[in-house]
């Protein structure tokens, strides 16, 4: 598979089902030949949020634009452009845009079939 080099805006933006004002772009995925991880770019419009949820996989997050909050069952953390966050697997969490502009962040996740691989 060849290398992939594109501007993120060239990747199709998808509405996240049942989440008003939240979109995702799968900028790197298995379709690109990435065998272990997917890279996604999320955009949350002002006042919008992801659901409170937990799952086996971790998140590595880099905030590109905007400001908001990362809520976890351990506490709440202010995030803004330049913030890096690690959310361990099985930790309940939620991203909230409580700023005036879009909250845009990169989120890396392993492919589902890798569950249990690193344990």
C-alpha atoms as a PDB file:
ATOM      1  CA  UNK A   1       0.000   0.000   0.000  1.00  0.00           C
ATOM      2  CA  UNK A   2       1.406   3.452  -0.822  1.00  0.00           C
ATOM      3  CA  UNK A   3       1.825   6.245   1.713  1.00  0.00           C
ATOM      4  CA  UNK A   4      -1.163   8.529   2.176  1.00  0.00           C
ATOM      5  CA  UNK A   5      -0.630  12.272   2.314  1.00  0.00           C
ATOM      6  CA  UNK A   6      -3.720  14.499   2.131  1.00  0.00           C
ATOM      7  CA  UNK A   7      -5.169  17.548   3.804  1.00  0.00           C
ATOM      8  CA  UNK A   8      -7.691  16.356   6.382  1.00  0.00           C
ATOM      9  CA  UNK A   9     -10.435  18.421   4.741  1.00  0.00           C
ATOM     10  CA  UNK A  10     -10.136  16.247   1.620  1.00  0.00           C
ATOM     11  CA  UNK A  11     -11.481  13.285   3.634  1.00  0.00           C
ATOM     12  CA  UNK A  12     -15.261  12.908   3.724  1.00  0.00           C
ATOM     13  CA  UNK A  13     -16.888  14.376   6.830  1.00  0.00           C
ATOM     14  CA  UNK A  14     -19.543  12.115   8.367  1.00  0.00           C
ATOM     15  CA  UNK A  15     -22.235  13.002  10.872  1.00  0.00           C
ATOM     16  CA  UNK A  16     -21.940  10.848  13.980  1.00  0.00           C
ATOM     17  CA  UNK A  17     -25.269   8.991  14.303  1.00  0.00           C
ATOM     18  CA  UNK A  18     -27.578  10.299  17.031  1.00  0.00           C
ATOM     19  CA  UNK A  19     -25.157  13.103  18.003  1.00  0.00           C
ATOM     20  CA  UNK A  20     -26.286  16.513  16.853  1.00  0.00           C
ATOM     21  CA  UNK A  21     -23.419  18.815  15.906  1.00  0.00           C
ATOM     22  CA  UNK A  22     -20.711  16.108  15.990  1.00  0.00           C
ATOM     23  CA  UNK A  23     -18.835  14.986  12.876  1.00  0.00           C
ATOM     24  CA  UNK A  24     -15.895  12.673  12.224  1.00  0.00           C
ATOM     25  CA  UNK A  25     -13.390  12.194   9.410  1.00  0.00           C
ATOM     26  CA  UNK A  26     -11.601   8.828   9.295  1.00  0.00           C
ATOM     27  CA  UNK A  27      -8.378  10.354   7.945  1.00  0.00           C
ATOM     28  CA  UNK A  28      -6.342   7.134   8.308  1.00  0.00           C
ATOM     29  CA  UNK A  29      -7.986   3.707   8.488  1.00  0.00           C
ATOM     30  CA  UNK A  30      -7.615   0.087   7.479  1.00  0.00           C
ATOM     31  CA  UNK A  31      -8.683   1.157   3.991  1.00  0.00           C
ATOM     32  CA  UNK A  32      -5.391   3.076   3.823  1.00  0.00           C
ATOM     33  CA  UNK A  33      -3.391   0.019   4.871  1.00  0.00           C
ATOM     34  CA  UNK A  34      -2.992   1.034   8.521  1.00  0.00           C
ATOM     35  CA  UNK A  35      -2.824  -2.356  10.275  1.00  0.00           C
ATOM     36  CA  UNK A  36      -3.229  -1.302  13.912  1.00  0.00           C
ATOM     37  CA  UNK A  37      -4.696   2.158  14.467  1.00  0.00           C
ATOM     38  CA  UNK A  38      -7.188   4.585  12.964  1.00  0.00           C
ATOM     39  CA  UNK A  39      -6.801   8.352  13.083  1.00  0.00           C
ATOM     40  CA  UNK A  40      -9.994  10.360  13.288  1.00  0.00           C
ATOM     41  CA  UNK A  41     -10.672  14.100  13.309  1.00  0.00           C
ATOM     42  CA  UNK A  42     -13.740  15.052  15.317  1.00  0.00           C
ATOM     43  CA  UNK A  43     -15.552  18.361  15.213  1.00  0.00           C
ATOM     44  CA  UNK A  44     -18.008  19.358  17.935  1.00  0.00           C
ATOM     45  CA  UNK A  45     -20.088  22.456  17.335  1.00  0.00           C
ATOM     46  CA  UNK A  46     -20.637  24.900  20.228  1.00  0.00           C
ATOM     47  CA  UNK A  47     -22.792  23.362  22.956  1.00  0.00           C
ATOM     48  CA  UNK A  48     -22.430  19.828  21.573  1.00  0.00           C
ATOM     49  CA  UNK A  49     -20.874  16.771  23.201  1.00  0.00           C
ATOM     50  CA  UNK A  50     -20.096  13.113  22.833  1.00  0.00           C
ATOM     51  CA  UNK A  51     -22.012  10.688  25.067  1.00  0.00           C
ATOM     52  CA  UNK A  52     -20.625   9.547  28.402  1.00  0.00           C
ATOM     53  CA  UNK A  53     -19.240   6.142  27.522  1.00  0.00           C
ATOM     54  CA  UNK A  54     -16.458   3.625  28.136  1.00  0.00           C
ATOM     55  CA  UNK A  55     -14.903   0.873  26.009  1.00  0.00           C
ATOM     56  CA  UNK A  56     -11.871  -1.418  26.078  1.00  0.00           C
ATOM     57  CA  UNK A  57      -9.669   0.762  23.895  1.00  0.00           C
ATOM     58  CA  UNK A  58      -7.642   3.790  24.827  1.00  0.00           C
ATOM     59  CA  UNK A  59      -7.752   7.211  23.182  1.00  0.00           C
ATOM     60  CA  UNK A  60      -4.818   9.435  22.324  1.00  0.00           C
ATOM     61  CA  UNK A  61      -6.139  12.929  21.653  1.00  0.00           C
ATOM     62  CA  UNK A  62      -4.599  16.136  20.319  1.00  0.00           C
ATOM     63  CA  UNK A  63      -6.798  19.250  20.322  1.00  0.00           C
ATOM     64  CA  UNK A  64      -6.354  21.275  17.142  1.00  0.00           C
ATOM     65  CA  UNK A  65      -8.825  24.103  17.644  1.00  0.00           C
ATOM     66  CA  UNK A  66     -11.313  25.473  20.122  1.00  0.00           C
ATOM     67  CA  UNK A  67     -11.881  24.859  23.789  1.00  0.00           C
ATOM     68  CA  UNK A  68     -13.996  22.633  25.923  1.00  0.00           C
ATOM     69  CA  UNK A  69     -13.865  19.916  28.563  1.00  0.00           C
ATOM     70  CA  UNK A  70     -12.862  16.304  28.807  1.00  0.00           C
ATOM     71  CA  UNK A  71     -14.989  14.736  31.518  1.00  0.00           C
ATOM     72  CA  UNK A  72     -13.900  11.411  33.010  1.00  0.00           C
ATOM     73  CA  UNK A  73     -15.108   9.471  36.018  1.00  0.00           C
ATOM     74  CA  UNK A  74     -11.841  10.622  37.657  1.00  0.00           C
ATOM     75  CA  UNK A  75     -12.359  14.340  37.048  1.00  0.00           C
ATOM     76  CA  UNK A  76     -12.946  17.087  34.525  1.00  0.00           C
ATOM     77  CA  UNK A  77     -10.163  18.675  32.474  1.00  0.00           C
ATOM     78  CA  UNK A  78     -10.164  21.869  30.440  1.00  0.00           C
ATOM     79  CA  UNK A  79      -8.919  21.313  26.884  1.00  0.00           C
ATOM     80  CA  UNK A  80      -7.944  23.808  24.212  1.00  0.00           C
ATOM     81  CA  UNK A  81      -5.823  24.026  21.082  1.00  0.00           C
ATOM     82  CA  UNK A  82      -2.510  22.305  21.835  1.00  0.00           C
ATOM     83  CA  UNK A  83      -3.826  20.101  24.655  1.00  0.00           C
ATOM     84  CA  UNK A  84      -2.822  16.428  24.581  1.00  0.00           C
ATOM     85  CA  UNK A  85      -4.921  13.862  26.456  1.00  0.00           C
ATOM     86  CA  UNK A  86      -4.643  10.141  27.100  1.00  0.00           C
ATOM     87  CA  UNK A  87      -7.866   8.345  28.053  1.00  0.00           C
ATOM     88  CA  UNK A  88      -7.191   4.766  29.248  1.00  0.00           C
ATOM     89  CA  UNK A  89      -9.441   1.933  28.147  1.00  0.00           C
ATOM     90  CA  UNK A  90     -12.482   1.201  30.326  1.00  0.00           C
ATOM     91  CA  UNK A  91     -12.512   4.761  31.736  1.00  0.00           C
ATOM     92  CA  UNK A  92     -15.881   6.474  31.301  1.00  0.00           C
ATOM     93  CA  UNK A  93     -15.385   9.737  29.425  1.00  0.00           C
ATOM     94  CA  UNK A  94     -17.019  12.503  27.391  1.00  0.00           C
ATOM     95  CA  UNK A  95     -15.853  15.465  25.307  1.00  0.00           C
ATOM     96  CA  UNK A  96     -17.861  18.699  25.587  1.00  0.00           C
ATOM     97  CA  UNK A  97     -17.615  21.874  23.535  1.00  0.00           C
ATOM     98  CA  UNK A  98     -18.483  24.725  25.816  1.00  0.00           C
ATOM     99  CA  UNK A  99     -16.625  27.324  23.767  1.00  0.00           C
ATOM    100  CA  UNK A 100     -17.894  29.753  21.148  1.00  0.00           C
ATOM    101  CA  UNK A 101     -16.282  28.058  18.130  1.00  0.00           C
ATOM    102  CA  UNK A 102     -15.775  24.533  16.861  1.00  0.00           C
ATOM    103  CA  UNK A 103     -13.854  22.064  19.044  1.00  0.00           C
ATOM    104  CA  UNK A 104     -11.661  20.055  16.646  1.00  0.00           C
ATOM    105  CA  UNK A 105      -9.421  17.217  17.801  1.00  0.00           C
ATOM    106  CA  UNK A 106      -7.491  14.240  16.521  1.00  0.00           C
ATOM    107  CA  UNK A 107      -8.336  10.933  18.186  1.00  0.00           C
ATOM    108  CA  UNK A 108      -6.341   7.733  17.635  1.00  0.00           C
ATOM    109  CA  UNK A 109      -7.898   4.333  18.344  1.00  0.00           C
ATOM    110  CA  UNK A 110      -6.861   0.727  17.715  1.00  0.00           C
ATOM    111  CA  UNK A 111      -8.828  -1.416  15.289  1.00  0.00           C
ATOM    112  CA  UNK A 112     -11.515  -3.465  17.117  1.00  0.00           C
ATOM    113  CA  UNK A 113      -9.970  -6.841  16.272  1.00  0.00           C
ATOM    114  CA  UNK A 114      -6.923  -5.922  18.373  1.00  0.00           C
ATOM    115  CA  UNK A 115      -8.880  -6.233  21.623  1.00  0.00           C
ATOM    116  CA  UNK A 116      -6.781  -8.196  24.116  1.00  0.00           C
ATOM    117  CA  UNK A 117      -3.683  -8.181  21.900  1.00  0.00           C
ATOM    118  CA  UNK A 118      -1.525  -6.068  24.234  1.00  0.00           C
ATOM    119  CA  UNK A 119      -2.800  -7.460  27.553  1.00  0.00           C
END
